[in-house]
C-alpha atoms as a PDB file:
ATOM      1  CA  MET A   1     112.199 116.816  97.950  1.00  0.00           C
ATOM      2  CA  CYS A   2     112.618 115.276  94.280  1.00  0.00           C
ATOM      3  CA  GLY A   3     110.738 112.402  92.394  1.00  0.00           C
ATOM      4  CA  LEU A   4     112.362 110.434  90.250  1.00  0.00           C
ATOM      5  CA  VAL A   5     112.017 107.270  87.891  1.00  0.00           C
ATOM      6  CA  VAL A   6     114.415 104.784  88.089  1.00  0.00           C
ATOM      7  CA  HIS A   7     114.617 102.127  85.222  1.00  0.00           C
ATOM      8  CA  VAL A   8     115.559  98.556  86.291  1.00  0.00           C
ATOM      9  CA  ARG A   9     116.576  95.573  84.566  1.00  0.00           C
ATOM     10  CA  PRO A  10     112.936  93.495  84.975  1.00  0.00           C
ATOM     11  CA  ASP A  11     114.854  90.618  86.634  1.00  0.00           C
ATOM     12  CA  ARG A  12     116.251  92.682  89.588  1.00  0.00           C
ATOM     13  CA  LEU A  13     113.318  94.642  90.039  1.00  0.00           C
ATOM     14  CA  ASP A  14     112.360  93.064  93.551  1.00  0.00           C
ATOM     15  CA  ALA A  15     115.580  93.667  94.764  1.00  0.00           C
ATOM     16  CA  VAL A  16     116.046  97.148  93.548  1.00  0.00           C
ATOM     17  CA  ALA A  17     112.614  97.503  95.102  1.00  0.00           C
ATOM     18  CA  ASP A  18     113.846  96.346  98.224  1.00  0.00           C
ATOM     19  CA  ALA A  19     117.092  98.190  98.381  1.00  0.00           C
ATOM     20  CA  LEU A  20     115.369 101.604  97.694  1.00  0.00           C
ATOM     21  CA  GLY A  21     113.080 100.662 100.599  1.00  0.00           C
ATOM     22  CA  SER A  22     115.983 100.382 103.027  1.00  0.00           C
ATOM     23  CA  LEU A  23     117.139 103.976 102.156  1.00  0.00           C
ATOM     24  CA  SER A  24     116.560 107.049 104.402  1.00  0.00           C
ATOM     25  CA  GLY A  25     113.939 109.053 102.921  1.00  0.00           C
ATOM     26  CA  VAL A  26     113.264 107.264  99.926  1.00  0.00           C
ATOM     27  CA  GLU A  27     109.779 106.262  99.349  1.00  0.00           C
ATOM     28  CA  LEU A  28     108.665 103.976  96.453  1.00  0.00           C
ATOM     29  CA  HIS A  29     105.505 105.190  94.888  1.00  0.00           C
ATOM     30  CA  ALA A  30     104.961 102.849  91.844  1.00  0.00           C
ATOM     31  CA  ARG A  31     106.287 100.049  90.014  1.00  0.00           C
ATOM     32  CA  SER A  32     105.720  98.686  86.667  1.00  0.00           C
ATOM     33  CA  PRO A  33     106.815  94.716  85.573  1.00  0.00           C
ATOM     34  CA  GLN A  34     108.853  96.354  82.627  1.00  0.00           C
ATOM     35  CA  GLY A  35     111.402  97.623  85.361  1.00  0.00           C
ATOM     36  CA  LYS A  36     110.083 101.439  85.956  1.00  0.00           C
ATOM     37  CA  LEU A  37     110.315 102.616  89.605  1.00  0.00           C
ATOM     38  CA  VAL A  38     108.858 106.129  90.646  1.00  0.00           C
ATOM     39  CA  ILE A  39     110.169 107.244  93.802  1.00  0.00           C
ATOM     40  CA  THR A  40     110.654 110.265  95.987  1.00  0.00           C
ATOM     41  CA  LEU A  41     113.709 111.457  97.989  1.00  0.00           C
ATOM     42  CA  GLU A  42     113.731 113.753 100.838  1.00  0.00           C
ATOM     43  CA  ALA A  43     117.306 114.983 101.904  1.00  0.00           C
ATOM     44  CA  ARG A  44     118.770 118.218 104.035  1.00  0.00           C
ATOM     45  CA  THR A  45     120.627 119.224 101.497  1.00  0.00           C
ATOM     46  CA  GLN A  46     121.513 118.999  97.648  1.00  0.00           C
ATOM     47  CA  ASP A  47     124.535 117.665  97.920  1.00  0.00           C
ATOM     48  CA  ASP A  48     122.235 114.526  99.900  1.00  0.00           C
ATOM     49  CA  VAL A  49     120.341 114.566  97.032  1.00  0.00           C
ATOM     50  CA  VAL A  50     123.205 114.205  94.531  1.00  0.00           C
ATOM     51  CA  ARG A  51     124.989 111.247  96.738  1.00  0.00           C
ATOM     52  CA  THR A  52     121.774 109.262  96.985  1.00  0.00           C
ATOM     53  CA  MET A  53     121.122 109.757  93.619  1.00  0.00           C
ATOM     54  CA  ALA A  54     124.427 108.386  92.614  1.00  0.00           C
ATOM     55  CA  GLY A  55     123.811 105.324  94.977  1.00  0.00           C
ATOM     56  CA  ILE A  56     120.736 104.443  93.620  1.00  0.00           C
ATOM     57  CA  GLY A  57     122.692 104.831  89.868  1.00  0.00           C
ATOM     58  CA  ASP A  58     125.158 102.228  90.886  1.00  0.00           C
ATOM     59  CA  MET A  59     123.034  99.617  92.141  1.00  0.00           C
ATOM     60  CA  PRO A  60     122.697  96.398  90.521  1.00  0.00           C
ATOM     61  CA  GLY A  61     120.203  95.968  88.083  1.00  0.00           C
ATOM     62  CA  VAL A  62     119.475  99.794  87.983  1.00  0.00           C
ATOM     63  CA  LEU A  63     119.772 101.047  84.000  1.00  0.00           C
ATOM     64  CA  SER A  64     119.221 104.896  84.707  1.00  0.00           C
ATOM     65  CA  THR A  65     117.894 107.211  87.005  1.00  0.00           C
ATOM     66  CA  ALA A  66     115.891 110.413  86.015  1.00  0.00           C
ATOM     67  CA  LEU A  67     115.264 113.247  88.046  1.00  0.00           C
ATOM     68  CA  VAL A  68     111.692 114.474  86.801  1.00  0.00           C
ATOM     69  CA  TYR A  69     110.732 116.877  89.948  1.00  0.00           C
ATOM     70  CA  GLN A  70     112.226 119.025  92.635  1.00  0.00           C
ATOM     71  CA  HIS A  71     111.282 121.266  94.919  1.00  0.00           C
ATOM     72  CA  ALA A  72     113.533 122.756  97.762  1.00  0.00           C
ATOM     73  CA  GLU A  73     112.587 125.620 100.519  1.00  0.00           C
ATOM     74  CA  ALA A  74     114.713 127.895 101.707  1.00  0.00           C
ATOM     75  CA  ASP A  75     116.296 127.186 105.106  1.00  0.00           C
ATOM     76  CA  SER A  76     114.268 129.059 107.910  1.00  0.00           C
ATOM     77  CA  HIS A  77     117.771 129.452 109.906  1.00  0.00           C
ATOM     78  CA  SER A  78     119.658 131.010 107.260  1.00  0.00           C
ATOM     79  CA  PRO A  79     119.829 134.663 106.713  1.00  0.00           C
ATOM     80  CA  ALA A  80     118.043 136.130 104.135  1.00  0.00           C
END
C-alpha cells in the first residue's frame, strides 16, 4: 500500500477525482479546492504501483504525484 498526494489543476479536479475512483486499488481520502488529492493505492507488485502512478501522472490536468508513504509485506508464498 502507498499513500500519494496528487496535485491537479483546480479546473480538472472533479474529472481527475472521478478517473481515480475508477482505478482498481485506488481510494480517494481527501481533496482541496486548490487541487490537492490524497489517495491510497494498493497493488500486488511494485511494478503495478509504478505503472499505476505513471498512469495517474499522465492524466489530463495532473501536475504531479508525490509518494508520501509506502508499505509492503513479504509474500507469504515466497521462500525465506
